[in-house]
Amino acid sequence: CSAGEGFGIPVVEAQACGTRVIVSDFTAQPELVGDGWTVAGQPDWDPMQRAWFFTPHVGAIVEALGDAYNHPGHPDKAVEFARRYDCDRVYNTHWRPVLERLAVTLAERLPL
């Protein structure tokens, strides 16, 4: 669980190794759980950073750990989910089309 996380690469990396995850119900973390648990908590405002953070409930983490221990699951589910974020797949599916459109737009607007 994290108090503040952007995309959450460690969550995807863990699942790529077949490890189920326990994440905070905050930021992008819930979207990254293919096999695991999302725990509740409380938002916290940090005035120094002018940003919201999150304090996961310890009891919810303990409960998720107990579930993980008692129901270990199968690593294939986590691995299969993590494949969505394979770097080649993300590049070919998302980045390449954007970069190609940018190249065309720039070529049209910039004189040679």
N, C-alpha and C. Protein backbone atom coordinates (compact mmCIF):
# COMPACT_ATOMS: atom_id res chain seq x y z
N CYS A 1 0.85 -1.19 0.00
CA CYS A 1 0.00 0.00 0.00
C CYS A 1 0.88 1.23 0.00
N SER A 2 0.37 2.27 -0.58
CA SER A 2 1.14 3.48 -0.75
C SER A 2 0.34 4.68 -0.26
N ALA A 3 1.05 5.66 0.27
CA ALA A 3 0.43 6.91 0.68
C ALA A 3 0.22 7.82 -0.53
N GLY A 4 1.04 7.65 -1.54
CA GLY A 4 0.93 8.46 -2.74
C GLY A 4 1.72 7.81 -3.86
N GLU A 5 1.04 7.49 -4.91
CA GLU A 5 1.67 6.77 -6.01
C GLU A 5 1.13 7.33 -7.30
N GLY A 6 1.99 7.45 -8.28
CA GLY A 6 1.54 7.87 -9.59
C GLY A 6 0.96 6.67 -10.31
N PHE A 7 1.67 6.19 -11.30
CA PHE A 7 1.18 5.05 -12.06
C PHE A 7 1.27 3.75 -11.28
N GLY A 8 2.33 3.50 -10.57
CA GLY A 8 2.45 2.28 -9.79
C GLY A 8 3.18 1.15 -10.48
N ILE A 9 4.31 1.45 -11.06
CA ILE A 9 5.09 0.44 -11.77
C ILE A 9 5.41 -0.78 -10.88
N PRO A 10 5.75 -0.60 -9.59
CA PRO A 10 6.04 -1.79 -8.76
C PRO A 10 4.85 -2.75 -8.67
N VAL A 11 3.63 -2.24 -8.74
CA VAL A 11 2.45 -3.10 -8.68
C VAL A 11 2.38 -3.98 -9.93
N VAL A 12 2.65 -3.41 -11.08
CA VAL A 12 2.65 -4.18 -12.33
C VAL A 12 3.83 -5.15 -12.35
N GLU A 13 5.00 -4.70 -11.90
CA GLU A 13 6.17 -5.57 -11.87
C GLU A 13 5.94 -6.78 -10.97
N ALA A 14 5.34 -6.58 -9.82
CA ALA A 14 5.06 -7.70 -8.91
C ALA A 14 4.16 -8.72 -9.58
N GLN A 15 3.10 -8.23 -10.25
CA GLN A 15 2.19 -9.15 -10.91
C GLN A 15 2.84 -9.86 -12.09
N ALA A 16 3.75 -9.17 -12.77
CA ALA A 16 4.48 -9.81 -13.87
C ALA A 16 5.31 -10.99 -13.36
N CYS A 17 5.66 -10.96 -12.08
CA CYS A 17 6.41 -12.06 -11.46
C CYS A 17 5.48 -13.09 -10.83
N GLY A 18 4.16 -12.89 -10.98
CA GLY A 18 3.19 -13.84 -10.43
C GLY A 18 2.81 -13.56 -8.99
N THR A 19 3.13 -12.40 -8.49
CA THR A 19 2.82 -12.05 -7.10
C THR A 19 1.54 -11.23 -7.03
N ARG A 20 0.62 -11.67 -6.20
CA ARG A 20 -0.61 -10.91 -5.98
C ARG A 20 -0.25 -9.65 -5.19
N VAL A 21 -1.05 -8.61 -5.34
CA VAL A 21 -0.70 -7.32 -4.75
C VAL A 21 -1.80 -6.83 -3.80
N ILE A 22 -1.39 -5.97 -2.89
CA ILE A 22 -2.30 -5.26 -2.00
C ILE A 22 -1.99 -3.79 -2.18
N VAL A 23 -2.99 -3.02 -2.63
CA VAL A 23 -2.76 -1.60 -2.92
C VAL A 23 -3.78 -0.74 -2.20
N SER A 24 -3.46 0.53 -2.09
CA SER A 24 -4.38 1.51 -1.53
C SER A 24 -5.44 1.86 -2.57
N ASP A 25 -6.63 2.17 -2.10
CA ASP A 25 -7.71 2.60 -2.99
C ASP A 25 -7.55 4.09 -3.27
N PHE A 26 -6.50 4.41 -4.04
CA PHE A 26 -6.11 5.79 -4.26
C PHE A 26 -5.32 5.89 -5.55
N THR A 27 -5.39 6.98 -6.20
CA THR A 27 -4.72 7.28 -7.48
C THR A 27 -5.00 6.17 -8.48
N ALA A 28 -3.99 5.75 -9.23
CA ALA A 28 -4.18 4.74 -10.27
C ALA A 28 -4.09 3.31 -9.74
N GLN A 29 -3.80 3.17 -8.45
CA GLN A 29 -3.55 1.84 -7.92
C GLN A 29 -4.69 0.84 -8.14
N PRO A 30 -5.96 1.18 -7.88
CA PRO A 30 -7.02 0.18 -8.09
C PRO A 30 -7.09 -0.34 -9.53
N GLU A 31 -6.76 0.51 -10.50
CA GLU A 31 -6.79 0.09 -11.90
C GLU A 31 -5.71 -0.93 -12.22
N LEU A 32 -4.70 -1.01 -11.37
CA LEU A 32 -3.55 -1.86 -11.65
C LEU A 32 -3.61 -3.21 -10.96
N VAL A 33 -4.73 -3.53 -10.33
CA VAL A 33 -4.86 -4.80 -9.63
C VAL A 33 -5.54 -5.81 -10.54
N GLY A 34 -4.76 -6.73 -11.05
CA GLY A 34 -5.32 -7.83 -11.82
C GLY A 34 -5.60 -9.01 -10.93
N ASP A 35 -4.78 -9.16 -9.90
CA ASP A 35 -4.96 -10.24 -8.94
C ASP A 35 -4.46 -9.74 -7.59
N GLY A 36 -5.39 -9.38 -6.73
CA GLY A 36 -4.99 -8.88 -5.43
C GLY A 36 -6.12 -8.15 -4.74
N TRP A 37 -5.75 -7.22 -3.88
CA TRP A 37 -6.70 -6.54 -3.03
C TRP A 37 -6.48 -5.04 -3.07
N THR A 38 -7.55 -4.32 -2.89
CA THR A 38 -7.52 -2.87 -2.73
C THR A 38 -8.04 -2.56 -1.33
N VAL A 39 -7.30 -1.76 -0.58
CA VAL A 39 -7.72 -1.46 0.78
C VAL A 39 -8.14 -0.01 0.93
N ALA A 40 -9.10 0.18 1.81
CA ALA A 40 -9.63 1.51 2.09
C ALA A 40 -8.68 2.28 2.98
N GLY A 41 -8.94 3.56 3.04
CA GLY A 41 -8.12 4.41 3.89
C GLY A 41 -8.72 5.79 3.96
N GLN A 42 -7.88 6.73 4.33
CA GLN A 42 -8.34 8.11 4.52
C GLN A 42 -7.44 9.06 3.75
N PRO A 43 -8.02 9.98 2.99
CA PRO A 43 -7.19 10.97 2.30
C PRO A 43 -6.59 11.95 3.31
N ASP A 44 -5.39 12.39 3.02
CA ASP A 44 -4.69 13.36 3.87
C ASP A 44 -4.14 14.48 2.99
N TRP A 45 -4.41 15.72 3.36
CA TRP A 45 -3.90 16.88 2.63
C TRP A 45 -2.53 17.24 3.18
N ASP A 46 -1.54 17.36 2.31
CA ASP A 46 -0.20 17.79 2.70
C ASP A 46 -0.03 19.23 2.24
N PRO A 47 -0.10 20.19 3.17
CA PRO A 47 -0.03 21.59 2.77
C PRO A 47 1.33 21.98 2.18
N MET A 48 2.41 21.32 2.59
CA MET A 48 3.73 21.65 2.05
C MET A 48 3.81 21.34 0.56
N GLN A 49 3.22 20.22 0.16
CA GLN A 49 3.26 19.83 -1.26
C GLN A 49 2.00 20.25 -2.00
N ARG A 50 1.04 20.75 -1.26
CA ARG A 50 -0.25 21.12 -1.83
C ARG A 50 -0.84 19.98 -2.65
N ALA A 51 -0.88 18.81 -2.00
CA ALA A 51 -1.34 17.62 -2.70
C ALA A 51 -2.01 16.67 -1.71
N TRP A 52 -2.89 15.85 -2.25
CA TRP A 52 -3.54 14.83 -1.44
C TRP A 52 -2.68 13.58 -1.38
N PHE A 53 -2.63 12.99 -0.22
CA PHE A 53 -2.01 11.69 -0.01
C PHE A 53 -3.05 10.78 0.62
N PHE A 54 -2.65 9.61 1.06
CA PHE A 54 -3.61 8.61 1.50
C PHE A 54 -3.01 7.79 2.63
N THR A 55 -3.77 7.57 3.68
CA THR A 55 -3.34 6.70 4.77
C THR A 55 -4.22 5.45 4.75
N PRO A 56 -3.66 4.33 4.30
CA PRO A 56 -4.47 3.10 4.27
C PRO A 56 -4.77 2.63 5.70
N HIS A 57 -5.93 2.05 5.88
CA HIS A 57 -6.31 1.51 7.19
C HIS A 57 -5.51 0.24 7.47
N VAL A 58 -4.82 0.25 8.60
CA VAL A 58 -3.96 -0.89 8.97
C VAL A 58 -4.79 -2.17 9.06
N GLY A 59 -5.98 -2.09 9.64
CA GLY A 59 -6.83 -3.28 9.74
C GLY A 59 -7.18 -3.87 8.38
N ALA A 60 -7.38 -3.01 7.40
CA ALA A 60 -7.70 -3.48 6.04
C ALA A 60 -6.49 -4.18 5.42
N ILE A 61 -5.30 -3.67 5.71
CA ILE A 61 -4.08 -4.31 5.20
C ILE A 61 -3.92 -5.68 5.83
N VAL A 62 -4.13 -5.76 7.15
CA VAL A 62 -4.01 -7.05 7.86
C VAL A 62 -5.01 -8.06 7.31
N GLU A 63 -6.23 -7.60 7.06
CA GLU A 63 -7.25 -8.49 6.50
C GLU A 63 -6.85 -8.99 5.11
N ALA A 64 -6.32 -8.11 4.28
CA ALA A 64 -5.88 -8.51 2.94
C ALA A 64 -4.72 -9.49 3.03
N LEU A 65 -3.79 -9.24 3.95
CA LEU A 65 -2.68 -10.19 4.13
C LEU A 65 -3.19 -11.56 4.56
N GLY A 66 -4.19 -11.59 5.44
CA GLY A 66 -4.79 -12.86 5.84
C GLY A 66 -5.44 -13.57 4.67
N ASP A 67 -6.17 -12.81 3.84
CA ASP A 67 -6.78 -13.41 2.65
C ASP A 67 -5.71 -13.96 1.71
N ALA A 68 -4.64 -13.22 1.56
CA ALA A 68 -3.56 -13.67 0.67
C ALA A 68 -2.93 -14.96 1.19
N TYR A 69 -2.77 -15.04 2.48
CA TYR A 69 -2.18 -16.24 3.09
C TYR A 69 -3.13 -17.44 2.94
N ASN A 70 -4.41 -17.22 3.19
CA ASN A 70 -5.38 -18.31 3.16
C ASN A 70 -5.84 -18.69 1.77
N HIS A 71 -5.69 -17.79 0.81
CA HIS A 71 -6.12 -18.04 -0.56
C HIS A 71 -5.02 -17.58 -1.52
N PRO A 72 -3.96 -18.35 -1.63
CA PRO A 72 -2.80 -17.90 -2.41
C PRO A 72 -3.07 -17.65 -3.89
N GLY A 73 -4.12 -18.22 -4.43
CA GLY A 73 -4.43 -17.97 -5.84
C GLY A 73 -3.46 -18.66 -6.77
N HIS A 74 -3.52 -18.28 -8.03
CA HIS A 74 -2.66 -18.87 -9.04
C HIS A 74 -1.89 -17.75 -9.73
N PRO A 75 -0.56 -17.87 -9.81
CA PRO A 75 0.24 -16.77 -10.38
C PRO A 75 -0.10 -16.39 -11.82
N ASP A 76 -0.67 -17.30 -12.58
CA ASP A 76 -0.97 -17.00 -13.99
C ASP A 76 -1.92 -15.83 -14.16
N LYS A 77 -2.85 -15.65 -13.22
CA LYS A 77 -3.80 -14.54 -13.33
C LYS A 77 -3.07 -13.20 -13.23
N ALA A 78 -2.16 -13.09 -12.28
CA ALA A 78 -1.40 -11.84 -12.12
C ALA A 78 -0.51 -11.59 -13.33
N VAL A 79 0.16 -12.63 -13.80
CA VAL A 79 1.07 -12.50 -14.94
C VAL A 79 0.30 -12.08 -16.19
N GLU A 80 -0.84 -12.70 -16.42
CA GLU A 80 -1.65 -12.37 -17.60
C GLU A 80 -2.09 -10.91 -17.55
N PHE A 81 -2.51 -10.44 -16.39
CA PHE A 81 -2.92 -9.04 -16.26
C PHE A 81 -1.75 -8.11 -16.56
N ALA A 82 -0.58 -8.41 -16.04
CA ALA A 82 0.59 -7.54 -16.22
C ALA A 82 1.02 -7.46 -17.67
N ARG A 83 0.69 -8.45 -18.47
CA ARG A 83 1.07 -8.42 -19.89
C ARG A 83 0.48 -7.22 -20.63
N ARG A 84 -0.62 -6.67 -20.12
CA ARG A 84 -1.21 -5.48 -20.73
C ARG A 84 -0.22 -4.32 -20.75
N TYR A 85 0.72 -4.34 -19.82
CA TYR A 85 1.66 -3.23 -19.67
C TYR A 85 3.06 -3.56 -20.18
N ASP A 86 3.17 -4.61 -20.98
CA ASP A 86 4.45 -4.94 -21.61
C ASP A 86 4.92 -3.74 -22.42
N CYS A 87 6.21 -3.40 -22.30
CA CYS A 87 6.70 -2.17 -22.92
C CYS A 87 6.52 -2.17 -24.44
N ASP A 88 6.75 -3.29 -25.10
CA ASP A 88 6.56 -3.33 -26.55
C ASP A 88 5.08 -3.14 -26.92
N ARG A 89 4.21 -3.75 -26.16
CA ARG A 89 2.78 -3.62 -26.44
C ARG A 89 2.33 -2.18 -26.22
N VAL A 90 2.74 -1.57 -25.11
CA VAL A 90 2.36 -0.18 -24.84
C VAL A 90 2.91 0.74 -25.92
N TYR A 91 4.15 0.52 -26.31
CA TYR A 91 4.74 1.37 -27.35
C TYR A 91 3.98 1.22 -28.67
N ASN A 92 3.80 -0.02 -29.12
CA ASN A 92 3.14 -0.24 -30.41
C ASN A 92 1.68 0.17 -30.42
N THR A 93 0.99 -0.02 -29.32
CA THR A 93 -0.44 0.28 -29.26
C THR A 93 -0.72 1.76 -29.02
N HIS A 94 0.10 2.40 -28.19
CA HIS A 94 -0.22 3.76 -27.78
C HIS A 94 0.78 4.80 -28.27
N TRP A 95 2.05 4.57 -28.01
CA TRP A 95 3.06 5.59 -28.33
C TRP A 95 3.32 5.74 -29.82
N ARG A 96 3.47 4.64 -30.53
CA ARG A 96 3.79 4.72 -31.97
C ARG A 96 2.75 5.53 -32.74
N PRO A 97 1.44 5.27 -32.57
CA PRO A 97 0.46 6.08 -33.31
C PRO A 97 0.55 7.57 -32.97
N VAL A 98 0.77 7.89 -31.70
CA VAL A 98 0.88 9.30 -31.31
C VAL A 98 2.11 9.94 -31.95
N LEU A 99 3.24 9.26 -31.89
CA LEU A 99 4.47 9.79 -32.48
C LEU A 99 4.34 9.95 -34.00
N GLU A 100 3.67 9.00 -34.65
CA GLU A 100 3.47 9.12 -36.10
C GLU A 100 2.59 10.33 -36.44
N ARG A 101 1.53 10.54 -35.66
CA ARG A 101 0.67 11.72 -35.90
C ARG A 101 1.42 13.01 -35.64
N LEU A 102 2.24 13.03 -34.61
CA LEU A 102 3.05 14.22 -34.33
C LEU A 102 4.02 14.51 -35.47
N ALA A 103 4.63 13.47 -36.01
CA ALA A 103 5.58 13.64 -37.10
C ALA A 103 4.88 14.23 -38.33
N VAL A 104 3.69 13.74 -38.63
CA VAL A 104 2.94 14.28 -39.77
C VAL A 104 2.56 15.73 -39.51
N THR A 105 2.07 16.03 -38.34
CA THR A 105 1.66 17.40 -37.99
C THR A 105 2.84 18.35 -38.07
N LEU A 106 3.96 17.95 -37.54
CA LEU A 106 5.15 18.80 -37.58
C LEU A 106 5.64 19.00 -39.01
N ALA A 107 5.60 17.95 -39.81
CA ALA A 107 6.04 18.06 -41.20
C ALA A 107 5.16 19.03 -41.97
N GLU A 108 3.86 19.05 -41.66
CA GLU A 108 2.93 19.95 -42.33
C GLU A 108 3.14 21.40 -41.91
N ARG A 109 3.57 21.61 -40.68
CA ARG A 109 3.64 22.97 -40.14
C ARG A 109 5.03 23.60 -40.22
N LEU A 110 6.04 22.80 -40.32
CA LEU A 110 7.40 23.34 -40.33
C LEU A 110 7.94 23.39 -41.76
N PRO A 111 8.45 24.52 -42.16
CA PRO A 111 9.02 24.59 -43.51
C PRO A 111 10.36 23.84 -43.55
N LEU A 112 10.65 23.28 -44.68
CA LEU A 112 11.93 22.56 -44.84
C LEU A 112 13.04 23.47 -45.22
